Amino acid sequence: MPSIEQFIESFLTAVDFQEVVEVTPETELKRLPEWDSLAALGVIVMFDVDFGKTITGDDLKNCATINDLYQLLG
């Protein structure tokens, strides 16, 4: 399993924020400026391509923070 830092790096690439965003494991997804359906799709693809794990939109809806997303890898 990748470290949380590696996961955050992949997350930032997948979401492709227009401006630099400070993201920590405790960052709330809903507080991110560009967290929308397109960002969510990017995260679903990231899980599949980068980590070989299949997740769904429902999995994402149950996640409040970056760390919640990271726990989906377990």
PDB file of N, CA and C in Angstrom:
ATOM      1  N   MET A   1       0.852  -1.190   0.000  1.00  0.00           N
ATOM      2  CA  MET A   1       0.000   0.000   0.000  1.00  0.00           C
ATOM      3  C   MET A   1       0.894   1.249   0.000  1.00  0.00           C
ATOM      4  N   PRO A   2       0.545   2.229  -0.805  1.00  0.00           N
ATOM      5  CA  PRO A   2       1.359   3.443  -0.846  1.00  0.00           C
ATOM      6  C   PRO A   2       1.212   4.224   0.463  1.00  0.00           C
ATOM      7  N   SER A   3       2.156   5.117   0.715  1.00  0.00           N
ATOM      8  CA  SER A   3       2.040   5.986   1.883  1.00  0.00           C
ATOM      9  C   SER A   3       0.938   7.016   1.626  1.00  0.00           C
ATOM     10  N   ILE A   4       0.474   7.637   2.690  1.00  0.00           N
ATOM     11  CA  ILE A   4      -0.560   8.674   2.538  1.00  0.00           C
ATOM     12  C   ILE A   4      -0.025   9.828   1.683  1.00  0.00           C
ATOM     13  N   GLU A   5       1.269  10.108   1.795  1.00  0.00           N
ATOM     14  CA  GLU A   5       1.866  11.187   0.998  1.00  0.00           C
ATOM     15  C   GLU A   5       1.820  10.851  -0.490  1.00  0.00           C
ATOM     16  N   GLN A   6       2.146   9.584  -0.824  1.00  0.00           N
ATOM     17  CA  GLN A   6       2.073   9.156  -2.232  1.00  0.00           C
ATOM     18  C   GLN A   6       0.631   9.208  -2.725  1.00  0.00           C
ATOM     19  N   PHE A   7      -0.292   8.811  -1.860  1.00  0.00           N
ATOM     20  CA  PHE A   7      -1.700   8.835  -2.225  1.00  0.00           C
ATOM     21  C   PHE A   7      -2.158  10.261  -2.501  1.00  0.00           C
ATOM     22  N   ILE A   8      -1.775  11.191  -1.646  1.00  0.00           N
ATOM     23  CA  ILE A   8      -2.161  12.599  -1.837  1.00  0.00           C
ATOM     24  C   ILE A   8      -1.577  13.131  -3.139  1.00  0.00           C
ATOM     25  N   GLU A   9      -0.350  12.764  -3.448  1.00  0.00           N
ATOM     26  CA  GLU A   9       0.268  13.193  -4.708  1.00  0.00           C
ATOM     27  C   GLU A   9      -0.552  12.693  -5.898  1.00  0.00           C
ATOM     28  N   SER A  10      -0.952  11.437  -5.864  1.00  0.00           N
ATOM     29  CA  SER A  10      -1.783  10.879  -6.937  1.00  0.00           C
ATOM     30  C   SER A  10      -3.143  11.579  -6.987  1.00  0.00           C
ATOM     31  N   PHE A  11      -3.709  11.855  -5.819  1.00  0.00           N
ATOM     32  CA  PHE A  11      -5.002  12.546  -5.737  1.00  0.00           C
ATOM     33  C   PHE A  11      -4.921  13.922  -6.392  1.00  0.00           C
ATOM     34  N   LEU A  12      -3.880  14.676  -6.067  1.00  0.00           N
ATOM     35  CA  LEU A  12      -3.726  16.024  -6.635  1.00  0.00           C
ATOM     36  C   LEU A  12      -3.582  15.973  -8.146  1.00  0.00           C
ATOM     37  N   THR A  13      -2.883  14.967  -8.643  1.00  0.00           N
ATOM     38  CA  THR A  13      -2.736  14.798 -10.092  1.00  0.00           C
ATOM     39  C   THR A  13      -4.076  14.420 -10.727  1.00  0.00           C
ATOM     40  N   ALA A  14      -4.799  13.529 -10.082  1.00  0.00           N
ATOM     41  CA  ALA A  14      -6.077  13.049 -10.623  1.00  0.00           C
ATOM     42  C   ALA A  14      -7.119  14.155 -10.684  1.00  0.00           C
ATOM     43  N   VAL A  15      -7.165  14.987  -9.651  1.00  0.00           N
ATOM     44  CA  VAL A  15      -8.176  16.047  -9.611  1.00  0.00           C
ATOM     45  C   VAL A  15      -7.748  17.236 -10.467  1.00  0.00           C
ATOM     46  N   ASP A  16      -6.438  17.463 -10.604  1.00  0.00           N
ATOM     47  CA  ASP A  16      -5.900  18.516 -11.457  1.00  0.00           C
ATOM     48  C   ASP A  16      -6.462  19.893 -11.087  1.00  0.00           C
ATOM     49  N   PHE A  17      -6.203  20.309  -9.858  1.00  0.00           N
ATOM     50  CA  PHE A  17      -6.655  21.623  -9.391  1.00  0.00           C
ATOM     51  C   PHE A  17      -6.032  22.726 -10.227  1.00  0.00           C
ATOM     52  N   GLN A  18      -6.789  23.773 -10.470  1.00  0.00           N
ATOM     53  CA  GLN A  18      -6.299  24.903 -11.260  1.00  0.00           C
ATOM     54  C   GLN A  18      -5.314  25.753 -10.466  1.00  0.00           C
ATOM     55  N   GLU A  19      -5.501  25.813  -9.162  1.00  0.00           N
ATOM     56  CA  GLU A  19      -4.593  26.550  -8.295  1.00  0.00           C
ATOM     57  C   GLU A  19      -4.031  25.588  -7.255  1.00  0.00           C
ATOM     58  N   VAL A  20      -2.896  25.944  -6.684  1.00  0.00           N
ATOM     59  CA  VAL A  20      -2.270  25.094  -5.674  1.00  0.00           C
ATOM     60  C   VAL A  20      -3.196  24.981  -4.461  1.00  0.00           C
ATOM     61  N   VAL A  21      -3.419  23.771  -4.017  1.00  0.00           N
ATOM     62  CA  VAL A  21      -4.301  23.503  -2.891  1.00  0.00           C
ATOM     63  C   VAL A  21      -3.517  22.715  -1.852  1.00  0.00           C
ATOM     64  N   GLU A  22      -3.605  23.150  -0.609  1.00  0.00           N
ATOM     65  CA  GLU A  22      -2.961  22.431   0.496  1.00  0.00           C
ATOM     66  C   GLU A  22      -3.867  21.279   0.902  1.00  0.00           C
ATOM     67  N   VAL A  23      -3.367  20.063   0.788  1.00  0.00           N
ATOM     68  CA  VAL A  23      -4.165  18.884   1.113  1.00  0.00           C
ATOM     69  C   VAL A  23      -3.427  18.049   2.150  1.00  0.00           C
ATOM     70  N   THR A  24      -4.137  17.704   3.215  1.00  0.00           N
ATOM     71  CA  THR A  24      -3.607  16.839   4.262  1.00  0.00           C
ATOM     72  C   THR A  24      -4.571  15.667   4.417  1.00  0.00           C
ATOM     73  N   PRO A  25      -4.205  14.650   5.188  1.00  0.00           N
ATOM     74  CA  PRO A  25      -5.144  13.543   5.393  1.00  0.00           C
ATOM     75  C   PRO A  25      -6.481  13.998   5.983  1.00  0.00           C
ATOM     76  N   GLU A  26      -6.469  15.096   6.737  1.00  0.00           N
ATOM     77  CA  GLU A  26      -7.693  15.574   7.382  1.00  0.00           C
ATOM     78  C   GLU A  26      -8.520  16.516   6.512  1.00  0.00           C
ATOM     79  N   THR A  27      -8.015  16.853   5.335  1.00  0.00           N
ATOM     80  CA  THR A  27      -8.737  17.763   4.448  1.00  0.00           C
ATOM     81  C   THR A  27     -10.106  17.196   4.101  1.00  0.00           C
ATOM     82  N   GLU A  28     -11.139  18.023   4.275  1.00  0.00           N
ATOM     83  CA  GLU A  28     -12.498  17.611   3.926  1.00  0.00           C
ATOM     84  C   GLU A  28     -12.711  17.809   2.434  1.00  0.00           C
ATOM     85  N   LEU A  29     -13.185  16.760   1.783  1.00  0.00           N
ATOM     86  CA  LEU A  29     -13.384  16.815   0.330  1.00  0.00           C
ATOM     87  C   LEU A  29     -14.318  17.952  -0.064  1.00  0.00           C
ATOM     88  N   LYS A  30     -15.412  18.125   0.661  1.00  0.00           N
ATOM     89  CA  LYS A  30     -16.396  19.140   0.286  1.00  0.00           C
ATOM     90  C   LYS A  30     -15.843  20.558   0.396  1.00  0.00           C
ATOM     91  N   ARG A  31     -14.724  20.733   1.086  1.00  0.00           N
ATOM     92  CA  ARG A  31     -14.111  22.058   1.223  1.00  0.00           C
ATOM     93  C   ARG A  31     -13.118  22.358   0.095  1.00  0.00           C
ATOM     94  N   LEU A  32     -12.829  21.366  -0.723  1.00  0.00           N
ATOM     95  CA  LEU A  32     -11.911  21.587  -1.841  1.00  0.00           C
ATOM     96  C   LEU A  32     -12.630  22.377  -2.930  1.00  0.00           C
ATOM     97  N   PRO A  33     -11.968  23.392  -3.478  1.00  0.00           N
ATOM     98  CA  PRO A  33     -12.646  24.295  -4.424  1.00  0.00           C
ATOM     99  C   PRO A  33     -13.164  23.628  -5.686  1.00  0.00           C
ATOM    100  N   GLU A  34     -12.538  22.565  -6.119  1.00  0.00           N
ATOM    101  CA  GLU A  34     -12.956  21.945  -7.380  1.00  0.00           C
ATOM    102  C   GLU A  34     -13.454  20.518  -7.185  1.00  0.00           C
ATOM    103  N   TRP A  35     -13.933  20.198  -5.985  1.00  0.00           N
ATOM    104  CA  TRP A  35     -14.447  18.849  -5.750  1.00  0.00           C
ATOM    105  C   TRP A  35     -15.845  18.764  -6.336  1.00  0.00           C
ATOM    106  N   ASP A  36     -15.952  18.127  -7.499  1.00  0.00           N
ATOM    107  CA  ASP A  36     -17.225  17.991  -8.197  1.00  0.00           C
ATOM    108  C   ASP A  36     -17.260  16.619  -8.865  1.00  0.00           C
ATOM    109  N   SER A  37     -18.239  16.410  -9.708  1.00  0.00           N
ATOM    110  CA  SER A  37     -18.386  15.093 -10.324  1.00  0.00           C
ATOM    111  C   SER A  37     -17.202  14.742 -11.225  1.00  0.00           C
ATOM    112  N   LEU A  38     -16.628  15.725 -11.881  1.00  0.00           N
ATOM    113  CA  LEU A  38     -15.468  15.465 -12.740  1.00  0.00           C
ATOM    114  C   LEU A  38     -14.251  15.064 -11.896  1.00  0.00           C
ATOM    115  N   ALA A  39     -14.062  15.744 -10.766  1.00  0.00           N
ATOM    116  CA  ALA A  39     -12.972  15.394  -9.854  1.00  0.00           C
ATOM    117  C   ALA A  39     -13.186  13.984  -9.308  1.00  0.00           C
ATOM    118  N   ALA A  40     -14.423  13.671  -8.950  1.00  0.00           N
ATOM    119  CA  ALA A  40     -14.739  12.343  -8.424  1.00  0.00           C
ATOM    120  C   ALA A  40     -14.424  11.270  -9.465  1.00  0.00           C
ATOM    121  N   LEU A  41     -14.764  11.528 -10.713  1.00  0.00           N
ATOM    122  CA  LEU A  41     -14.462  10.579 -11.780  1.00  0.00           C
ATOM    123  C   LEU A  41     -12.950  10.381 -11.900  1.00  0.00           C
ATOM    124  N   GLY A  42     -12.208  11.481 -11.800  1.00  0.00           N
ATOM    125  CA  GLY A  42     -10.750  11.384 -11.844  1.00  0.00           C
ATOM    126  C   GLY A  42     -10.199  10.516 -10.728  1.00  0.00           C
ATOM    127  N   VAL A  43     -10.809  10.621  -9.543  1.00  0.00           N
ATOM    128  CA  VAL A  43     -10.364   9.819  -8.399  1.00  0.00           C
ATOM    129  C   VAL A  43     -10.702   8.344  -8.620  1.00  0.00           C
ATOM    130  N   ILE A  44     -11.867   8.062  -9.183  1.00  0.00           N
ATOM    131  CA  ILE A  44     -12.239   6.676  -9.487  1.00  0.00           C
ATOM    132  C   ILE A  44     -11.248   6.067 -10.474  1.00  0.00           C
ATOM    133  N   VAL A  45     -10.885   6.835 -11.498  1.00  0.00           N
ATOM    134  CA  VAL A  45      -9.901   6.368 -12.486  1.00  0.00           C
ATOM    135  C   VAL A  45      -8.536   6.190 -11.826  1.00  0.00           C
ATOM    136  N   MET A  46      -8.156   7.115 -10.944  1.00  0.00           N
ATOM    137  CA  MET A  46      -6.881   7.017 -10.237  1.00  0.00           C
ATOM    138  C   MET A  46      -6.800   5.712  -9.449  1.00  0.00           C
ATOM    139  N   PHE A  47      -7.873   5.383  -8.719  1.00  0.00           N
ATOM    140  CA  PHE A  47      -7.871   4.141  -7.943  1.00  0.00           C
ATOM    141  C   PHE A  47      -7.628   2.947  -8.858  1.00  0.00           C
ATOM    142  N   ASP A  48      -8.279   2.951 -10.015  1.00  0.00           N
ATOM    143  CA  ASP A  48      -8.159   1.835 -10.951  1.00  0.00           C
ATOM    144  C   ASP A  48      -6.768   1.765 -11.575  1.00  0.00           C
ATOM    145  N   VAL A  49      -6.305   2.867 -12.140  1.00  0.00           N
ATOM    146  CA  VAL A  49      -5.054   2.883 -12.893  1.00  0.00           C
ATOM    147  C   VAL A  49      -3.827   2.843 -11.984  1.00  0.00           C
ATOM    148  N   ASP A  50      -3.809   3.698 -10.957  1.00  0.00           N
ATOM    149  CA  ASP A  50      -2.623   3.807 -10.102  1.00  0.00           C
ATOM    150  C   ASP A  50      -2.527   2.692  -9.064  1.00  0.00           C
ATOM    151  N   PHE A  51      -3.680   2.228  -8.581  1.00  0.00           N
ATOM    152  CA  PHE A  51      -3.663   1.312  -7.450  1.00  0.00           C
ATOM    153  C   PHE A  51      -4.348  -0.034  -7.711  1.00  0.00           C
ATOM    154  N   GLY A  52      -4.932  -0.204  -8.906  1.00  0.00           N
ATOM    155  CA  GLY A  52      -5.560  -1.478  -9.249  1.00  0.00           C
ATOM    156  C   GLY A  52      -6.761  -1.814  -8.383  1.00  0.00           C
ATOM    157  N   LYS A  53      -7.446  -0.789  -7.908  1.00  0.00           N
ATOM    158  CA  LYS A  53      -8.594  -0.984  -7.009  1.00  0.00           C
ATOM    159  C   LYS A  53      -9.825  -0.347  -7.646  1.00  0.00           C
ATOM    160  N   THR A  54     -10.935  -1.080  -7.652  1.00  0.00           N
ATOM    161  CA  THR A  54     -12.173  -0.556  -8.208  1.00  0.00           C
ATOM    162  C   THR A  54     -13.032   0.027  -7.092  1.00  0.00           C
ATOM    163  N   ILE A  55     -13.416   1.303  -7.257  1.00  0.00           N
ATOM    164  CA  ILE A  55     -14.337   1.932  -6.310  1.00  0.00           C
ATOM    165  C   ILE A  55     -15.498   2.522  -7.100  1.00  0.00           C
ATOM    166  N   THR A  56     -16.564   2.858  -6.397  1.00  0.00           N
ATOM    167  CA  THR A  56     -17.753   3.407  -7.042  1.00  0.00           C
ATOM    168  C   THR A  56     -18.045   4.809  -6.516  1.00  0.00           C
ATOM    169  N   GLY A  57     -18.985   5.454  -7.165  1.00  0.00           N
ATOM    170  CA  GLY A  57     -19.448   6.754  -6.694  1.00  0.00           C
ATOM    171  C   GLY A  57     -19.999   6.665  -5.277  1.00  0.00           C
ATOM    172  N   ASP A  58     -20.651   5.563  -4.967  1.00  0.00           N
ATOM    173  CA  ASP A  58     -21.177   5.384  -3.611  1.00  0.00           C
ATOM    174  C   ASP A  58     -20.043   5.308  -2.593  1.00  0.00           C
ATOM    175  N   ASP A  59     -18.935   4.667  -2.969  1.00  0.00           N
ATOM    176  CA  ASP A  59     -17.773   4.632  -2.078  1.00  0.00           C
ATOM    177  C   ASP A  59     -17.316   6.059  -1.775  1.00  0.00           C
ATOM    178  N   LEU A  60     -17.274   6.887  -2.812  1.00  0.00           N
ATOM    179  CA  LEU A  60     -16.834   8.274  -2.630  1.00  0.00           C
ATOM    180  C   LEU A  60     -17.803   9.060  -1.757  1.00  0.00           C
ATOM    181  N   LYS A  61     -19.092   8.828  -1.930  1.00  0.00           N
ATOM    182  CA  LYS A  61     -20.089   9.555  -1.140  1.00  0.00           C
ATOM    183  C   LYS A  61     -19.932   9.276   0.345  1.00  0.00           C
ATOM    184  N   ASN A  62     -19.390   8.122   0.688  1.00  0.00           N
ATOM    185  CA  ASN A  62     -19.198   7.751   2.089  1.00  0.00           C
ATOM    186  C   ASN A  62     -17.888   8.291   2.666  1.00  0.00           C
ATOM    187  N   CYS A  63     -17.125   9.007   1.861  1.00  0.00           N
ATOM    188  CA  CYS A  63     -15.847   9.560   2.307  1.00  0.00           C
ATOM    189  C   CYS A  63     -15.982  11.055   2.567  1.00  0.00           C
ATOM    190  N   ALA A  64     -15.537  11.472   3.746  1.00  0.00           N
ATOM    191  CA  ALA A  64     -15.580  12.894   4.088  1.00  0.00           C
ATOM    192  C   ALA A  64     -14.207  13.557   3.942  1.00  0.00           C
ATOM    193  N   THR A  65     -13.143  12.783   4.171  1.00  0.00           N
ATOM    194  CA  THR A  65     -11.792  13.349   4.148  1.00  0.00           C
ATOM    195  C   THR A  65     -10.884  12.573   3.198  1.00  0.00           C
ATOM    196  N   ILE A  66      -9.712  13.144   2.956  1.00  0.00           N
ATOM    197  CA  ILE A  66      -8.703  12.459   2.154  1.00  0.00           C
ATOM    198  C   ILE A  66      -8.340  11.127   2.804  1.00  0.00           C
ATOM    199  N   ASN A  67      -8.230  11.118   4.129  1.00  0.00           N
ATOM    200  CA  ASN A  67      -7.877   9.874   4.810  1.00  0.00           C
ATOM    201  C   ASN A  67      -8.969   8.800   4.607  1.00  0.00           C
ATOM    202  N   ASP A  68     -10.236   9.211   4.550  1.00  0.00           N
ATOM    203  CA  ASP A  68     -11.303   8.258   4.272  1.00  0.00           C
ATOM    204  C   ASP A  68     -11.080   7.616   2.899  1.00  0.00           C
ATOM    205  N   LEU A  69     -10.707   8.425   1.922  1.00  0.00           N
ATOM    206  CA  LEU A  69     -10.408   7.889   0.588  1.00  0.00           C
ATOM    207  C   LEU A  69      -9.240   6.910   0.673  1.00  0.00           C
ATOM    208  N   TYR A  70      -8.212   7.314   1.375  1.00  0.00           N
ATOM    209  CA  TYR A  70      -7.010   6.474   1.518  1.00  0.00           C
ATOM    210  C   TYR A  70      -7.361   5.114   2.122  1.00  0.00           C
ATOM    211  N   GLN A  71      -8.277   5.111   3.063  1.00  0.00           N
ATOM    212  CA  GLN A  71      -8.669   3.857   3.723  1.00  0.00           C
ATOM    213  C   GLN A  71      -9.336   2.885   2.748  1.00  0.00           C
ATOM    214  N   LEU A  72      -9.881   3.398   1.641  1.00  0.00           N
ATOM    215  CA  LEU A  72     -10.489   2.522   0.629  1.00  0.00           C
ATOM    216  C   LEU A  72      -9.459   1.593  -0.012  1.00  0.00           C
ATOM    217  N   LEU A  73      -8.191   1.980   0.067  1.00  0.00           N
ATOM    218  CA  LEU A  73      -7.137   1.130  -0.496  1.00  0.00           C
ATOM    219  C   LEU A  73      -6.933  -0.140   0.318  1.00  0.00           C
ATOM    220  N   GLY A  74      -7.260  -0.074   1.611  1.00  0.00           N
ATOM    221  CA  GLY A  74      -7.020  -1.192   2.517  1.00  0.00           C
ATOM    222  C   GLY A  74      -7.838  -2.359   2.161  1.00  0.00           C
TER     223      GLY A  74
END
